[in-house]
Amino acid sequence: MACEENISRFKNIAENFEAKTPHVHNLNCTKCGSTIELSENIAFVECSNCKANLVNLNAYKFQEIQPTGIVPFQISKAKAIQIFQNWIVEGIWYDADLKKVSIIHNLSAYYVPFWSFNAQTDSVWTGYSGKYVKKKLDKSELHNMDVVWKLKIGTYSHNFKNLLICASTHFLGKINHLGPYNLDNLKPFNFDYIVGWDSSAFDRDMNESFEEFKKNMNQYIQTKCEAKLKDDTFKDLAIQTFYSNETFYLILVPIWECNYFYKGKLYNFVINGQSGEIQGTKPISKSCLLFLIIIFLLLFGLFLLILL
């Protein structure tokens, strides 16, 4: 299990955080003795001379906080290719030629750094709950809707556990809906896990990561308090939240990524290396799109004829 630390250490380091530019680092191959040049934040490299798998033990010392946990890969390369082949032809708009797309040489596996945040939150909220009532208009059988407002006060508590925030600038925006990771399978970090896989230290601004964590928490609390307050509607909701037992740790999670060209255009997809969840961009058949436009124009023309 990963070792949790008090959030105060994270905040202290974040205050002075500067995105470091990694320097070129020389690594000697333990098998053939060749000298390999690599960026100092790269944790794994293959020797270009003898193809030996080498681990850069200083990679995670590049930053002040090192990973303490890792989620091992459960999805093999063959399985990832199969997931892609099933996904790329889903729906009615795919191009039939997509079945011929080969990604085997472009598919790469990464261990990606994520912050795992935990916090106990206790919130006090106030606001006005509104209930719609029918109001009869004078000298008429017509009715209008009025709102009866009632002041409410309440509390809401929630224990946020393992809220994951991406710590890699490369993968920001690519993994928004990649699905959760099951941290019941989290293992203590060991360099043996990353042999054969691309991996690097975190490089996203720590303050930005922490702000995203707070934003996600507050949005969740806001939604829950709104549900407690409103009847038919609500207004003037105010929330004060107290935070306690705030901890964090840095972990590595498995992701498959591929950039591929199709008819001169670049597309990208990523796969959750634990669950197999996939997301990305894929081509749309121009003939199917043209067919949809023709159908829309025919229906629009028919609608105009009916109006005339």
Protein backbone atom coordinates (compact mmCIF):
# COMPACT_ATOMS: atom_id res chain seq x y z
CA MET A 1 0.00 0.00 0.00
CA ALA A 2 1.20 3.53 -0.79
CA CYS A 3 2.41 5.70 2.08
CA GLU A 4 0.17 8.71 2.72
CA GLU A 5 1.67 12.05 3.75
CA ASN A 6 0.13 15.12 5.35
CA ILE A 7 -1.01 17.71 2.84
CA SER A 8 1.13 20.37 4.53
CA ARG A 9 4.25 18.91 2.88
CA PHE A 10 2.59 19.08 -0.52
CA LYS A 11 1.58 22.72 0.04
CA ASN A 12 5.05 23.70 1.25
CA ILE A 13 6.72 22.21 -1.81
CA ALA A 14 4.02 23.58 -4.13
CA GLU A 15 4.63 27.14 -2.90
CA ASN A 16 8.16 27.02 -4.29
CA PHE A 17 7.40 24.72 -7.20
CA GLU A 18 9.04 25.51 -10.49
CA ALA A 19 8.73 23.30 -13.54
CA LYS A 20 12.25 21.98 -13.88
CA THR A 21 13.88 21.51 -17.25
CA PRO A 22 15.45 18.05 -17.18
CA HIS A 23 19.13 17.89 -18.14
CA VAL A 24 20.76 15.24 -20.27
CA HIS A 25 21.96 12.40 -18.08
CA ASN A 26 24.55 9.72 -18.90
CA LEU A 27 23.63 6.15 -17.98
CA ASN A 28 26.05 3.23 -18.32
CA CYS A 29 24.60 -0.03 -19.57
CA THR A 30 25.11 -2.74 -16.96
CA LYS A 31 25.33 -5.41 -19.67
CA CYS A 32 27.60 -4.06 -22.41
CA GLY A 33 29.03 -0.94 -20.76
CA SER A 34 27.79 1.48 -23.42
CA THR A 35 27.05 5.06 -22.37
CA ILE A 36 23.48 6.16 -23.06
CA GLU A 37 22.31 9.76 -23.06
CA LEU A 38 18.77 10.34 -21.78
CA SER A 39 16.69 13.00 -20.08
CA GLU A 40 17.25 12.76 -16.32
CA ASN A 41 13.51 12.41 -15.60
CA ILE A 42 13.14 9.28 -17.80
CA ALA A 43 12.95 6.19 -15.63
CA PHE A 44 13.35 3.44 -18.22
CA VAL A 45 15.41 3.08 -21.39
CA GLU A 46 16.47 0.29 -23.72
CA CYS A 47 20.18 0.10 -24.59
CA SER A 48 20.58 0.94 -28.28
CA ASN A 49 23.64 -1.33 -28.48
CA CYS A 50 22.62 -4.58 -26.77
CA LYS A 51 18.85 -3.98 -26.23
CA ALA A 52 19.18 -4.52 -22.47
CA ASN A 53 16.44 -3.06 -20.25
CA LEU A 54 17.90 -0.31 -18.06
CA VAL A 55 16.34 1.58 -15.15
CA ASN A 56 17.45 5.10 -14.26
CA LEU A 57 17.31 4.98 -10.46
CA ASN A 58 17.71 8.76 -10.21
CA ALA A 59 14.70 9.57 -12.39
CA TYR A 60 12.21 10.12 -9.58
CA LYS A 61 14.76 12.01 -7.49
CA PHE A 62 14.41 14.67 -10.19
CA GLN A 63 11.47 15.96 -8.12
CA GLU A 64 11.21 16.30 -4.34
CA ILE A 65 8.32 13.84 -4.08
CA GLN A 66 8.75 10.27 -5.31
CA PRO A 67 6.01 7.74 -6.12
CA THR A 68 5.12 5.35 -3.33
CA GLY A 69 2.54 3.22 -5.15
CA ILE A 70 1.94 1.70 -8.59
CA VAL A 71 -1.03 0.11 -10.37
CA PRO A 72 0.40 -2.72 -12.51
CA PHE A 73 -0.61 -3.22 -16.15
CA GLN A 74 -3.45 -5.70 -16.62
CA ILE A 75 -3.99 -5.06 -20.34
CA SER A 76 -1.38 -6.57 -22.66
CA LYS A 77 -0.38 -5.03 -25.98
CA ALA A 78 -2.31 -7.71 -27.88
CA LYS A 79 -5.41 -7.01 -25.79
CA ALA A 80 -5.00 -3.24 -26.29
CA ILE A 81 -4.88 -3.73 -30.07
CA GLN A 82 -8.03 -5.86 -29.89
CA ILE A 83 -9.80 -3.16 -27.83
CA PHE A 84 -8.83 -0.57 -30.46
CA GLN A 85 -10.03 -2.75 -33.35
CA ASN A 86 -13.41 -3.24 -31.69
CA TRP A 87 -13.75 0.45 -30.80
CA ILE A 88 -12.70 1.91 -34.15
CA VAL A 89 -15.60 0.23 -36.01
CA GLU A 90 -18.29 1.01 -33.43
CA GLY A 91 -21.24 3.10 -34.58
CA ILE A 92 -22.72 3.70 -38.01
CA TRP A 93 -20.38 6.46 -39.16
CA TYR A 94 -17.07 4.65 -39.33
CA ASP A 95 -15.17 4.26 -42.60
CA ALA A 96 -15.01 0.64 -43.75
CA ASP A 97 -11.29 1.04 -44.54
CA LEU A 98 -10.59 1.56 -40.83
CA LYS A 99 -10.52 -2.22 -40.44
CA LYS A 100 -7.19 -2.14 -42.27
CA VAL A 101 -5.54 0.39 -39.93
CA SER A 102 -2.46 -1.05 -38.23
CA ILE A 103 -1.30 0.52 -34.96
CA ILE A 104 1.07 -2.14 -33.68
CA HIS A 105 4.18 0.00 -34.21
CA ASN A 106 2.64 3.21 -32.84
CA LEU A 107 1.12 1.83 -29.65
CA SER A 108 3.12 2.76 -26.55
CA ALA A 109 2.71 1.89 -22.87
CA TYR A 110 3.27 4.43 -20.11
CA TYR A 111 3.28 4.54 -16.35
CA VAL A 112 1.77 7.98 -15.76
CA PRO A 113 2.16 9.93 -12.46
CA PHE A 114 -1.04 10.81 -10.59
CA TRP A 115 -1.64 12.52 -7.26
CA SER A 116 -4.01 10.70 -4.96
CA PHE A 117 -5.69 13.13 -2.53
CA ASN A 118 -7.77 12.36 0.55
CA ALA A 119 -9.77 14.71 2.79
CA GLN A 120 -12.59 14.76 5.28
CA THR A 121 -15.01 17.62 4.57
CA ASP A 122 -17.73 18.98 6.84
CA SER A 123 -19.97 21.67 5.33
CA VAL A 124 -22.62 24.01 6.70
CA TRP A 125 -25.06 25.42 4.13
CA THR A 126 -27.88 27.96 4.07
CA GLY A 127 -30.28 28.99 1.33
CA TYR A 128 -33.87 29.42 0.23
CA SER A 129 -35.92 26.47 -0.96
CA GLY A 130 -38.71 27.29 -3.41
CA LYS A 131 -41.99 25.47 -3.97
CA TYR A 132 -44.24 26.22 -6.93
CA VAL A 133 -47.90 26.97 -6.13
CA LYS A 134 -50.79 27.90 -8.40
CA LYS A 135 -52.03 31.44 -8.00
CA LYS A 136 -55.48 32.34 -9.40
CA LEU A 137 -55.58 35.60 -11.31
CA ASP A 138 -58.28 38.15 -10.36
CA LYS A 139 -61.60 37.94 -12.29
CA SER A 140 -60.32 35.07 -14.39
CA GLU A 141 -60.19 31.32 -14.43
CA LEU A 142 -56.54 31.51 -15.49
CA HIS A 143 -53.81 30.51 -13.07
CA ASN A 144 -50.22 31.64 -12.69
CA MET A 145 -47.34 29.91 -10.94
CA ASP A 146 -45.91 31.56 -7.86
CA VAL A 147 -42.96 30.53 -5.69
CA VAL A 148 -43.10 30.21 -1.93
CA TRP A 149 -39.62 30.63 -0.45
CA LYS A 150 -38.44 29.05 2.79
CA LEU A 151 -35.10 29.57 4.53
CA LYS A 152 -33.23 26.33 5.21
CA ILE A 153 -30.02 25.50 7.08
CA GLY A 154 -28.25 22.17 6.99
CA THR A 155 -24.98 20.22 7.07
CA TYR A 156 -23.24 17.80 4.74
CA SER A 157 -20.14 15.67 5.40
CA HIS A 158 -18.13 13.57 2.99
CA ASN A 159 -14.85 11.66 3.16
CA PHE A 160 -13.01 12.01 -0.15
CA LYS A 161 -10.80 8.99 -0.69
CA ASN A 162 -8.26 8.51 -3.48
CA LEU A 163 -9.34 11.42 -5.66
CA LEU A 164 -6.91 11.09 -8.58
CA ILE A 165 -5.43 14.13 -10.34
CA CYS A 166 -3.15 13.76 -13.36
CA ALA A 167 0.41 15.02 -12.71
CA SER A 168 1.66 14.69 -16.30
CA THR A 169 1.40 17.61 -18.74
CA HIS A 170 1.58 15.20 -21.69
CA PHE A 171 -1.66 13.43 -20.75
CA LEU A 172 -3.70 16.45 -19.61
CA GLY A 173 -6.96 16.61 -21.57
CA LYS A 174 -6.49 13.13 -23.03
CA ILE A 175 -7.77 11.06 -20.10
CA ASN A 176 -10.79 12.98 -18.79
CA HIS A 177 -13.17 10.04 -19.22
CA LEU A 178 -10.79 7.11 -19.13
CA GLY A 179 -12.56 5.60 -16.18
CA PRO A 180 -11.49 5.11 -12.54
CA TYR A 181 -8.59 2.97 -11.38
CA ASN A 182 -9.19 0.28 -8.79
CA LEU A 183 -6.69 1.17 -6.10
CA ASP A 184 -7.42 -2.05 -4.22
CA ASN A 185 -4.75 -3.45 -6.56
CA LEU A 186 -2.26 -0.70 -5.71
CA LYS A 187 1.21 -2.08 -5.02
CA PRO A 188 4.14 -0.47 -3.17
CA PHE A 189 6.35 1.22 -5.76
CA ASN A 190 9.19 -0.92 -7.01
CA PHE A 191 11.46 -0.22 -10.00
CA ASP A 192 10.94 -3.80 -11.18
CA TYR A 193 7.40 -2.86 -12.25
CA ILE A 194 8.55 -0.23 -14.75
CA VAL A 195 11.13 -2.37 -16.58
CA GLY A 196 9.96 -2.49 -20.20
CA TRP A 197 7.56 0.42 -19.86
CA ASP A 198 7.97 4.14 -20.53
CA SER A 199 7.83 6.16 -17.33
CA SER A 200 8.82 9.63 -16.15
CA ALA A 201 8.56 11.94 -13.14
CA PHE A 202 5.64 14.32 -12.65
CA ASP A 203 5.99 17.68 -14.42
CA ARG A 204 2.65 19.42 -13.95
CA ASP A 205 2.56 22.48 -11.70
CA MET A 206 1.71 21.25 -8.20
CA ASN A 207 -0.42 24.32 -7.42
CA GLU A 208 -2.49 23.66 -10.54
CA SER A 209 -2.98 20.03 -9.49
CA PHE A 210 -4.05 21.02 -5.98
CA GLU A 211 -6.50 23.63 -7.33
CA GLU A 212 -8.09 20.96 -9.54
CA PHE A 213 -8.44 18.71 -6.50
CA LYS A 214 -10.20 21.46 -4.51
CA LYS A 215 -12.40 22.34 -7.50
CA ASN A 216 -13.53 18.72 -7.88
CA MET A 217 -14.30 18.47 -4.17
CA ASN A 218 -16.23 21.74 -4.07
CA GLN A 219 -18.26 20.88 -7.17
CA TYR A 220 -19.27 17.58 -5.58
CA ILE A 221 -20.18 19.29 -2.29
CA GLN A 222 -22.13 21.99 -4.18
CA THR A 223 -24.21 19.35 -6.01
CA LYS A 224 -25.01 17.46 -2.80
CA CYS A 225 -25.98 20.63 -0.89
CA GLU A 226 -28.19 21.79 -3.77
CA ALA A 227 -30.03 18.46 -3.66
CA LYS A 228 -30.58 18.83 0.09
CA LEU A 229 -31.79 22.44 -0.22
CA LYS A 230 -34.10 22.55 -3.19
CA ASP A 231 -37.74 21.55 -3.33
CA ASP A 232 -38.86 22.66 -6.80
CA THR A 233 -36.12 25.28 -7.02
CA PHE A 234 -33.66 27.18 -4.83
CA LYS A 235 -31.68 30.41 -4.52
CA ASP A 236 -28.90 32.09 -2.50
CA LEU A 237 -27.12 28.87 -1.54
CA ALA A 238 -24.06 29.61 0.62
CA ILE A 239 -21.65 26.87 1.73
CA GLN A 240 -18.85 26.95 4.29
CA THR A 241 -16.62 23.87 4.26
CA PHE A 242 -14.08 22.73 6.84
CA TYR A 243 -11.29 20.38 5.77
CA SER A 244 -9.46 17.86 7.94
CA ASN A 245 -7.32 14.70 7.65
CA GLU A 246 -5.91 15.93 4.33
CA THR A 247 -3.31 13.56 2.92
CA PHE A 248 -1.72 12.75 -0.43
CA TYR A 249 0.62 10.38 -2.18
CA LEU A 250 2.07 10.03 -5.66
CA ILE A 251 1.33 6.90 -7.68
CA LEU A 252 1.90 5.58 -11.20
CA VAL A 253 -1.00 4.26 -13.28
CA PRO A 254 -0.86 2.30 -16.57
CA ILE A 255 -1.97 3.86 -19.87
CA TRP A 256 -1.66 2.76 -23.49
CA GLU A 257 -1.43 5.61 -26.01
CA CYS A 258 -1.33 5.72 -29.79
CA ASN A 259 -1.07 8.46 -32.41
CA TYR A 260 -2.00 7.23 -35.89
CA PHE A 261 -2.50 8.79 -39.31
CA TYR A 262 -5.52 8.02 -41.47
CA LYS A 263 -5.83 9.60 -44.91
CA GLY A 264 -3.36 12.31 -43.97
CA LYS A 265 -4.96 13.30 -40.66
CA LEU A 266 -3.60 12.60 -37.16
CA TYR A 267 -5.77 10.84 -34.55
CA ASN A 268 -5.10 9.84 -30.94
CA PHE A 269 -6.52 7.37 -28.44
CA VAL A 270 -5.65 6.17 -24.95
CA ILE A 271 -6.55 2.99 -23.09
CA ASN A 272 -6.75 2.43 -19.35
CA GLY A 273 -4.04 -0.18 -18.77
CA GLN A 274 -5.96 -1.72 -15.89
CA SER A 275 -9.61 -1.78 -17.01
CA GLY A 276 -9.34 -1.52 -20.81
CA GLU A 277 -11.51 1.62 -21.02
CA ILE A 278 -10.74 3.52 -24.23
CA GLN A 279 -11.27 7.09 -25.40
CA GLY A 280 -10.00 9.17 -28.27
CA THR A 281 -10.71 10.53 -31.71
CA LYS A 282 -11.51 8.49 -34.79
CA PRO A 283 -12.35 9.22 -38.44
CA ILE A 284 -15.91 9.64 -39.65
CA SER A 285 -16.92 8.24 -43.02
CA LYS A 286 -17.37 11.09 -45.53
CA SER A 287 -19.92 9.04 -47.48
CA CYS A 288 -22.00 8.43 -44.34
CA LEU A 289 -21.77 12.11 -43.44
CA LEU A 290 -22.85 13.09 -46.97
CA PHE A 291 -25.78 10.66 -46.72
CA LEU A 292 -26.86 12.29 -43.44
CA ILE A 293 -26.72 15.77 -45.01
CA ILE A 294 -28.83 14.61 -48.00
CA ILE A 295 -31.44 13.08 -45.68
CA PHE A 296 -31.56 16.31 -43.65
CA LEU A 297 -32.02 18.43 -46.79
CA LEU A 298 -34.80 16.14 -48.09
CA LEU A 299 -36.64 16.30 -44.77
CA PHE A 300 -36.20 20.07 -44.62
CA GLY A 301 -37.54 20.40 -48.20
CA LEU A 302 -40.52 18.19 -47.34
CA PHE A 303 -41.24 20.37 -44.30
CA LEU A 304 -41.25 23.52 -46.48
CA LEU A 305 -43.63 21.88 -48.95
CA ILE A 306 -46.07 21.03 -46.15
CA LEU A 307 -45.96 24.63 -44.92
CA LEU A 308 -46.74 25.92 -48.43
